[in-house]
N, C-alpha and C. Protein backbone atom coordinates (compact mmCIF):
# COMPACT_ATOMS: atom_id res chain seq x y z
N MET A 1 23.39 6.06 3.25
CA MET A 1 22.58 5.78 2.07
C MET A 1 23.10 6.65 0.92
N SER A 2 23.33 6.02 -0.21
CA SER A 2 23.90 6.75 -1.34
C SER A 2 22.85 7.62 -2.02
N ILE A 3 23.34 8.59 -2.73
CA ILE A 3 22.45 9.50 -3.45
C ILE A 3 21.67 8.75 -4.53
N LEU A 4 22.28 7.72 -5.13
CA LEU A 4 21.58 6.94 -6.15
C LEU A 4 20.42 6.15 -5.55
N ARG A 5 20.60 5.61 -4.34
CA ARG A 5 19.50 4.89 -3.68
C ARG A 5 18.35 5.85 -3.36
N ILE A 6 18.69 7.03 -2.88
CA ILE A 6 17.67 8.02 -2.56
C ILE A 6 16.94 8.45 -3.83
N ALA A 7 17.70 8.69 -4.90
CA ALA A 7 17.09 9.09 -6.17
C ALA A 7 16.19 7.98 -6.72
N ALA A 8 16.63 6.72 -6.61
CA ALA A 8 15.82 5.60 -7.09
C ALA A 8 14.53 5.48 -6.27
N ALA A 9 14.63 5.65 -4.95
CA ALA A 9 13.44 5.58 -4.09
C ALA A 9 12.48 6.73 -4.44
N LEU A 10 13.00 7.92 -4.65
CA LEU A 10 12.16 9.06 -5.01
C LEU A 10 11.48 8.84 -6.35
N LEU A 11 12.21 8.30 -7.32
CA LEU A 11 11.64 8.03 -8.63
C LEU A 11 10.53 6.97 -8.53
N CYS A 12 10.79 5.90 -7.78
CA CYS A 12 9.78 4.84 -7.62
C CYS A 12 8.54 5.38 -6.90
N GLY A 13 8.73 6.16 -5.85
CA GLY A 13 7.60 6.75 -5.14
C GLY A 13 6.80 7.69 -6.01
N THR A 14 7.49 8.47 -6.83
CA THR A 14 6.82 9.39 -7.75
C THR A 14 6.00 8.62 -8.78
N MET A 15 6.58 7.55 -9.32
CA MET A 15 5.86 6.73 -10.30
C MET A 15 4.65 6.06 -9.65
N PHE A 16 4.80 5.60 -8.41
CA PHE A 16 3.69 4.98 -7.70
C PHE A 16 2.57 6.00 -7.49
N GLY A 17 2.90 7.19 -7.01
CA GLY A 17 1.90 8.23 -6.80
C GLY A 17 1.21 8.63 -8.10
N PHE A 18 2.00 8.73 -9.17
CA PHE A 18 1.42 9.08 -10.48
C PHE A 18 0.45 7.99 -10.92
N GLY A 19 0.85 6.73 -10.74
CA GLY A 19 -0.02 5.61 -11.10
C GLY A 19 -1.31 5.61 -10.30
N LEU A 20 -1.20 5.89 -9.00
CA LEU A 20 -2.40 5.97 -8.17
C LEU A 20 -3.34 7.07 -8.66
N SER A 21 -2.77 8.22 -8.99
CA SER A 21 -3.59 9.34 -9.47
C SER A 21 -4.21 9.03 -10.82
N LEU A 22 -3.40 8.49 -11.73
CA LEU A 22 -3.88 8.19 -13.08
C LEU A 22 -4.99 7.14 -13.06
N SER A 23 -4.88 6.16 -12.16
CA SER A 23 -5.86 5.08 -12.10
C SER A 23 -7.13 5.46 -11.34
N GLY A 24 -7.10 6.58 -10.63
CA GLY A 24 -8.26 6.99 -9.85
C GLY A 24 -8.31 6.38 -8.47
N MET A 25 -7.24 5.68 -8.07
CA MET A 25 -7.21 5.04 -6.75
C MET A 25 -7.20 6.05 -5.61
N VAL A 26 -6.90 7.29 -5.88
CA VAL A 26 -6.89 8.31 -4.82
C VAL A 26 -8.28 8.88 -4.57
N ASP A 27 -9.27 8.43 -5.33
CA ASP A 27 -10.65 8.89 -5.18
C ASP A 27 -11.42 7.88 -4.33
N PRO A 28 -11.71 8.21 -3.05
CA PRO A 28 -12.41 7.26 -2.19
C PRO A 28 -13.76 6.79 -2.75
N SER A 29 -14.47 7.66 -3.49
CA SER A 29 -15.77 7.25 -4.02
C SER A 29 -15.63 6.15 -5.07
N ARG A 30 -14.55 6.19 -5.82
CA ARG A 30 -14.31 5.14 -6.82
C ARG A 30 -14.00 3.81 -6.13
N VAL A 31 -13.21 3.87 -5.07
CA VAL A 31 -12.87 2.66 -4.32
C VAL A 31 -14.13 2.08 -3.67
N ARG A 32 -14.92 2.94 -3.03
CA ARG A 32 -16.17 2.45 -2.42
C ARG A 32 -17.12 1.89 -3.47
N GLY A 33 -17.14 2.49 -4.66
CA GLY A 33 -17.97 1.98 -5.76
C GLY A 33 -17.54 0.59 -6.18
N PHE A 34 -16.26 0.31 -6.13
CA PHE A 34 -15.77 -1.03 -6.46
C PHE A 34 -16.16 -2.03 -5.38
N LEU A 35 -16.09 -1.61 -4.12
CA LEU A 35 -16.40 -2.50 -3.01
C LEU A 35 -17.90 -2.72 -2.82
N ASP A 36 -18.74 -1.88 -3.44
CA ASP A 36 -20.19 -1.98 -3.29
C ASP A 36 -20.75 -2.92 -4.35
N ILE A 37 -20.55 -4.22 -4.17
CA ILE A 37 -20.97 -5.19 -5.19
C ILE A 37 -22.48 -5.37 -5.23
N ALA A 38 -23.18 -5.00 -4.16
CA ALA A 38 -24.64 -5.15 -4.14
C ALA A 38 -25.35 -3.89 -4.63
N GLY A 39 -24.63 -2.81 -4.81
CA GLY A 39 -25.25 -1.55 -5.22
C GLY A 39 -24.81 -1.14 -6.61
N ASP A 40 -24.38 0.11 -6.73
CA ASP A 40 -23.92 0.66 -8.01
C ASP A 40 -22.44 0.33 -8.18
N TRP A 41 -22.16 -0.91 -8.59
CA TRP A 41 -20.79 -1.42 -8.65
C TRP A 41 -20.00 -0.75 -9.77
N ASN A 42 -18.77 -0.33 -9.46
CA ASN A 42 -17.87 0.29 -10.42
C ASN A 42 -16.68 -0.66 -10.61
N PRO A 43 -16.58 -1.35 -11.75
CA PRO A 43 -15.54 -2.35 -11.95
C PRO A 43 -14.17 -1.78 -12.33
N SER A 44 -14.02 -0.46 -12.44
CA SER A 44 -12.77 0.11 -12.94
C SER A 44 -11.56 -0.27 -12.08
N LEU A 45 -11.75 -0.41 -10.79
CA LEU A 45 -10.64 -0.76 -9.92
C LEU A 45 -10.13 -2.17 -10.21
N ALA A 46 -10.99 -3.05 -10.70
CA ALA A 46 -10.56 -4.41 -11.04
C ALA A 46 -9.47 -4.37 -12.11
N PHE A 47 -9.61 -3.48 -13.08
CA PHE A 47 -8.60 -3.36 -14.12
C PHE A 47 -7.27 -2.86 -13.54
N VAL A 48 -7.36 -1.94 -12.58
CA VAL A 48 -6.16 -1.45 -11.91
C VAL A 48 -5.50 -2.60 -11.15
N LEU A 49 -6.29 -3.40 -10.45
CA LEU A 49 -5.75 -4.52 -9.69
C LEU A 49 -5.10 -5.56 -10.60
N PHE A 50 -5.75 -5.89 -11.71
CA PHE A 50 -5.16 -6.84 -12.65
C PHE A 50 -3.86 -6.28 -13.24
N GLY A 51 -3.85 -5.00 -13.56
CA GLY A 51 -2.62 -4.38 -14.06
C GLY A 51 -1.50 -4.43 -13.03
N ALA A 52 -1.84 -4.20 -11.76
CA ALA A 52 -0.84 -4.25 -10.69
C ALA A 52 -0.28 -5.66 -10.53
N VAL A 53 -1.13 -6.66 -10.64
CA VAL A 53 -0.66 -8.06 -10.55
C VAL A 53 0.28 -8.37 -11.71
N ALA A 54 -0.05 -7.90 -12.90
CA ALA A 54 0.81 -8.14 -14.07
C ALA A 54 2.19 -7.49 -13.87
N VAL A 55 2.21 -6.27 -13.37
CA VAL A 55 3.48 -5.58 -13.12
C VAL A 55 4.27 -6.31 -12.03
N ALA A 56 3.57 -6.76 -10.98
CA ALA A 56 4.25 -7.50 -9.90
C ALA A 56 4.83 -8.81 -10.42
N MET A 57 4.10 -9.50 -11.28
CA MET A 57 4.62 -10.75 -11.85
C MET A 57 5.88 -10.48 -12.68
N LEU A 58 5.87 -9.41 -13.43
CA LEU A 58 7.05 -9.02 -14.21
C LEU A 58 8.22 -8.73 -13.26
N GLY A 59 7.93 -8.05 -12.15
CA GLY A 59 8.96 -7.76 -11.16
C GLY A 59 9.56 -9.02 -10.57
N VAL A 60 8.74 -10.03 -10.32
CA VAL A 60 9.25 -11.30 -9.78
C VAL A 60 10.16 -11.98 -10.80
N VAL A 61 9.77 -11.96 -12.06
CA VAL A 61 10.59 -12.56 -13.11
C VAL A 61 11.94 -11.84 -13.20
N ILE A 62 11.92 -10.52 -13.16
CA ILE A 62 13.17 -9.74 -13.24
C ILE A 62 14.03 -10.01 -12.00
N ARG A 63 13.41 -10.05 -10.82
CA ARG A 63 14.17 -10.30 -9.59
C ARG A 63 14.87 -11.65 -9.65
N ARG A 64 14.19 -12.65 -10.14
CA ARG A 64 14.78 -13.99 -10.22
C ARG A 64 15.97 -14.02 -11.17
N ALA A 65 15.95 -13.16 -12.19
CA ALA A 65 17.05 -13.12 -13.16
C ALA A 65 18.25 -12.33 -12.64
N MET A 66 18.03 -11.48 -11.62
CA MET A 66 19.11 -10.64 -11.09
C MET A 66 19.81 -11.36 -9.94
N GLY A 67 21.09 -11.12 -9.80
CA GLY A 67 21.83 -11.66 -8.66
C GLY A 67 21.54 -10.89 -7.39
N HIS A 68 21.42 -9.58 -7.52
CA HIS A 68 21.14 -8.69 -6.39
C HIS A 68 20.57 -7.39 -6.94
N PRO A 69 19.94 -6.60 -6.07
CA PRO A 69 19.41 -5.31 -6.54
C PRO A 69 20.54 -4.37 -6.96
N LEU A 70 20.19 -3.36 -7.71
CA LEU A 70 21.21 -2.42 -8.19
C LEU A 70 21.91 -1.68 -7.05
N PHE A 71 21.18 -1.33 -6.00
CA PHE A 71 21.75 -0.49 -4.95
C PHE A 71 21.80 -1.17 -3.58
N ASP A 72 21.91 -2.50 -3.56
CA ASP A 72 22.01 -3.22 -2.30
C ASP A 72 22.74 -4.53 -2.54
N GLN A 73 23.16 -5.16 -1.44
CA GLN A 73 23.91 -6.42 -1.54
C GLN A 73 23.01 -7.62 -1.81
N GLY A 74 21.73 -7.53 -1.41
CA GLY A 74 20.81 -8.63 -1.62
C GLY A 74 19.38 -8.17 -1.47
N PHE A 75 18.47 -9.02 -1.92
CA PHE A 75 17.05 -8.72 -1.80
C PHE A 75 16.60 -8.97 -0.37
N GLN A 76 15.75 -8.12 0.16
CA GLN A 76 15.23 -8.25 1.52
C GLN A 76 13.88 -8.96 1.46
N LEU A 77 13.91 -10.27 1.44
CA LEU A 77 12.69 -11.07 1.34
C LEU A 77 12.41 -11.76 2.66
N PRO A 78 11.14 -12.01 2.97
CA PRO A 78 10.83 -12.71 4.22
C PRO A 78 11.36 -14.14 4.18
N SER A 79 11.81 -14.62 5.32
CA SER A 79 12.34 -15.99 5.37
C SER A 79 11.22 -17.02 5.48
N THR A 80 10.08 -16.63 6.03
CA THR A 80 8.93 -17.52 6.13
C THR A 80 7.67 -16.76 5.73
N THR A 81 6.65 -17.50 5.40
CA THR A 81 5.38 -16.88 5.02
C THR A 81 4.22 -17.61 5.71
N PRO A 82 4.19 -17.58 7.04
CA PRO A 82 3.10 -18.28 7.73
C PRO A 82 1.78 -17.53 7.60
N ILE A 83 0.72 -18.29 7.42
CA ILE A 83 -0.62 -17.70 7.45
C ILE A 83 -1.18 -18.05 8.83
N ASP A 84 -1.19 -17.03 9.71
CA ASP A 84 -1.60 -17.27 11.09
C ASP A 84 -2.72 -16.29 11.47
N LYS A 85 -3.14 -16.35 12.72
CA LYS A 85 -4.22 -15.49 13.21
C LYS A 85 -3.88 -14.01 13.07
N ARG A 86 -2.62 -13.64 13.34
CA ARG A 86 -2.24 -12.24 13.25
C ARG A 86 -2.35 -11.72 11.82
N LEU A 87 -1.93 -12.53 10.85
CA LEU A 87 -2.02 -12.13 9.45
C LEU A 87 -3.47 -11.98 9.01
N ILE A 88 -4.29 -12.95 9.36
CA ILE A 88 -5.71 -12.91 8.98
C ILE A 88 -6.41 -11.75 9.69
N GLY A 89 -6.13 -11.56 10.98
CA GLY A 89 -6.73 -10.45 11.72
C GLY A 89 -6.31 -9.10 11.17
N GLY A 90 -5.02 -8.95 10.90
CA GLY A 90 -4.53 -7.68 10.33
C GLY A 90 -5.12 -7.41 8.96
N SER A 91 -5.24 -8.45 8.14
CA SER A 91 -5.85 -8.29 6.81
C SER A 91 -7.31 -7.88 6.92
N ALA A 92 -8.01 -8.47 7.89
CA ALA A 92 -9.43 -8.12 8.09
C ALA A 92 -9.57 -6.66 8.54
N ILE A 93 -8.72 -6.24 9.47
CA ILE A 93 -8.77 -4.85 9.94
C ILE A 93 -8.46 -3.89 8.80
N PHE A 94 -7.43 -4.22 8.00
CA PHE A 94 -7.08 -3.40 6.85
C PHE A 94 -8.25 -3.30 5.88
N GLY A 95 -8.87 -4.44 5.56
CA GLY A 95 -9.99 -4.45 4.62
C GLY A 95 -11.20 -3.69 5.11
N ILE A 96 -11.51 -3.83 6.40
CA ILE A 96 -12.64 -3.10 6.98
C ILE A 96 -12.37 -1.60 6.92
N GLY A 97 -11.16 -1.19 7.29
CA GLY A 97 -10.80 0.23 7.23
C GLY A 97 -10.84 0.76 5.80
N TRP A 98 -10.35 -0.04 4.86
CA TRP A 98 -10.34 0.37 3.46
C TRP A 98 -11.78 0.54 2.97
N GLY A 99 -12.64 -0.41 3.34
CA GLY A 99 -14.04 -0.32 2.92
C GLY A 99 -14.77 0.85 3.54
N MET A 100 -14.48 1.13 4.82
CA MET A 100 -15.17 2.24 5.51
C MET A 100 -14.69 3.60 5.00
N ALA A 101 -13.40 3.75 4.82
CA ALA A 101 -12.85 5.06 4.44
C ALA A 101 -12.68 5.21 2.93
N GLY A 102 -12.60 4.09 2.21
CA GLY A 102 -12.34 4.17 0.77
C GLY A 102 -10.89 4.50 0.48
N LEU A 103 -10.03 4.36 1.48
CA LEU A 103 -8.61 4.70 1.32
C LEU A 103 -7.74 3.60 1.90
N CYS A 104 -6.62 3.36 1.29
CA CYS A 104 -5.59 2.55 1.92
C CYS A 104 -4.35 3.45 2.04
N PRO A 105 -3.31 3.02 2.73
CA PRO A 105 -2.21 3.93 3.06
C PRO A 105 -1.56 4.65 1.88
N GLY A 106 -1.27 3.96 0.80
CA GLY A 106 -0.61 4.61 -0.34
C GLY A 106 -1.41 5.77 -0.91
N PRO A 107 -2.65 5.52 -1.34
CA PRO A 107 -3.46 6.62 -1.85
C PRO A 107 -3.72 7.71 -0.82
N ALA A 108 -3.84 7.34 0.46
CA ALA A 108 -4.08 8.35 1.50
C ALA A 108 -2.90 9.31 1.59
N ILE A 109 -1.69 8.77 1.54
CA ILE A 109 -0.50 9.63 1.60
C ILE A 109 -0.42 10.49 0.35
N ALA A 110 -0.75 9.91 -0.81
CA ALA A 110 -0.77 10.71 -2.04
C ALA A 110 -1.80 11.82 -1.95
N ASP A 111 -2.95 11.53 -1.32
CA ASP A 111 -4.02 12.52 -1.19
C ASP A 111 -3.68 13.64 -0.21
N LEU A 112 -2.66 13.46 0.62
CA LEU A 112 -2.26 14.53 1.55
C LEU A 112 -1.94 15.82 0.80
N ALA A 113 -1.46 15.68 -0.44
CA ALA A 113 -1.12 16.85 -1.25
C ALA A 113 -2.34 17.73 -1.51
N LEU A 114 -3.54 17.15 -1.41
CA LEU A 114 -4.76 17.92 -1.62
C LEU A 114 -5.11 18.79 -0.42
N GLY A 115 -4.61 18.39 0.76
CA GLY A 115 -4.87 19.17 1.97
C GLY A 115 -6.31 19.10 2.46
N VAL A 116 -7.03 18.06 2.07
CA VAL A 116 -8.43 17.91 2.46
C VAL A 116 -8.48 17.37 3.90
N THR A 117 -9.28 18.00 4.74
CA THR A 117 -9.31 17.67 6.18
C THR A 117 -9.57 16.20 6.45
N PRO A 118 -10.56 15.53 5.82
CA PRO A 118 -10.78 14.11 6.13
C PRO A 118 -9.54 13.23 5.83
N ILE A 119 -8.80 13.58 4.80
CA ILE A 119 -7.60 12.82 4.46
C ILE A 119 -6.54 13.03 5.53
N VAL A 120 -6.36 14.27 5.97
CA VAL A 120 -5.39 14.56 7.02
C VAL A 120 -5.77 13.82 8.30
N VAL A 121 -7.05 13.80 8.64
CA VAL A 121 -7.52 13.07 9.83
C VAL A 121 -7.24 11.57 9.67
N PHE A 122 -7.52 11.02 8.49
CA PHE A 122 -7.29 9.60 8.24
C PHE A 122 -5.82 9.25 8.40
N VAL A 123 -4.94 10.01 7.76
CA VAL A 123 -3.50 9.72 7.84
C VAL A 123 -2.99 9.90 9.27
N THR A 124 -3.48 10.92 9.97
CA THR A 124 -3.08 11.11 11.37
C THR A 124 -3.50 9.91 12.21
N ALA A 125 -4.73 9.45 12.04
CA ALA A 125 -5.22 8.28 12.79
C ALA A 125 -4.41 7.04 12.41
N MET A 126 -4.06 6.92 11.14
CA MET A 126 -3.27 5.78 10.69
C MET A 126 -1.89 5.78 11.36
N VAL A 127 -1.25 6.92 11.39
CA VAL A 127 0.07 7.02 12.02
C VAL A 127 -0.03 6.74 13.52
N ILE A 128 -1.05 7.28 14.18
CA ILE A 128 -1.24 7.01 15.61
C ILE A 128 -1.46 5.52 15.85
N GLY A 129 -2.25 4.89 15.00
CA GLY A 129 -2.47 3.44 15.12
C GLY A 129 -1.18 2.65 14.94
N MET A 130 -0.33 3.07 14.00
CA MET A 130 0.95 2.38 13.80
C MET A 130 1.86 2.56 15.01
N LEU A 131 1.86 3.76 15.58
CA LEU A 131 2.70 4.00 16.77
C LEU A 131 2.21 3.17 17.96
N ILE A 132 0.89 3.11 18.14
CA ILE A 132 0.32 2.29 19.23
C ILE A 132 0.70 0.83 19.01
N HIS A 133 0.57 0.36 17.79
CA HIS A 133 0.93 -1.03 17.49
C HIS A 133 2.40 -1.28 17.80
N ASP A 134 3.28 -0.39 17.34
CA ASP A 134 4.71 -0.58 17.58
C ASP A 134 5.03 -0.63 19.08
N ARG A 135 4.39 0.24 19.85
CA ARG A 135 4.62 0.23 21.31
C ARG A 135 4.07 -1.04 21.94
N ALA A 136 2.90 -1.50 21.48
CA ALA A 136 2.30 -2.71 22.05
C ALA A 136 3.16 -3.93 21.71
N VAL A 137 3.65 -4.00 20.47
CA VAL A 137 4.47 -5.13 20.06
C VAL A 137 5.82 -5.11 20.79
N SER A 138 6.45 -3.94 20.89
CA SER A 138 7.76 -3.87 21.56
C SER A 138 7.64 -4.12 23.05
N SER A 139 6.53 -3.72 23.69
CA SER A 139 6.38 -3.95 25.13
C SER A 139 6.00 -5.40 25.42
N SER A 140 5.30 -6.05 24.50
CA SER A 140 4.91 -7.44 24.73
C SER A 140 6.04 -8.42 24.45
N SER A 141 7.05 -7.99 23.68
CA SER A 141 8.16 -8.88 23.38
C SER A 141 9.28 -8.80 24.40
N CYS A 142 9.15 -7.91 25.41
CA CYS A 142 10.19 -7.78 26.44
C CYS A 142 10.10 -8.86 27.47
């Protein structure tokens, strides 16, 4: 891996973390406030989501105009996009976890810098869950 690819990845990750912090997405109470539509609803996360969709749409337009990425031979895009039971089940599990904890993986990793015990426990459980999943998937495909 070239130094330019590593630098680009570091820059993108830094910008992502800064955006999460600036938008308040690293604050679980703000996320739970957005998800609590029957209680004291906080709509601020909706603006963050709309902004993210706008940036993603711009990224799609730029990708279509490019022949290949700056630091790779081609774009790594999925060949198919099936909506199946695994996708729906995984999305439901992700959403339930996000609603219960007020965190999703990106903000949780950014929050590790705070050193707060519940965040460390969440990220540890998340990593253990990913390892269990990887072992279950690799053992079932043999």
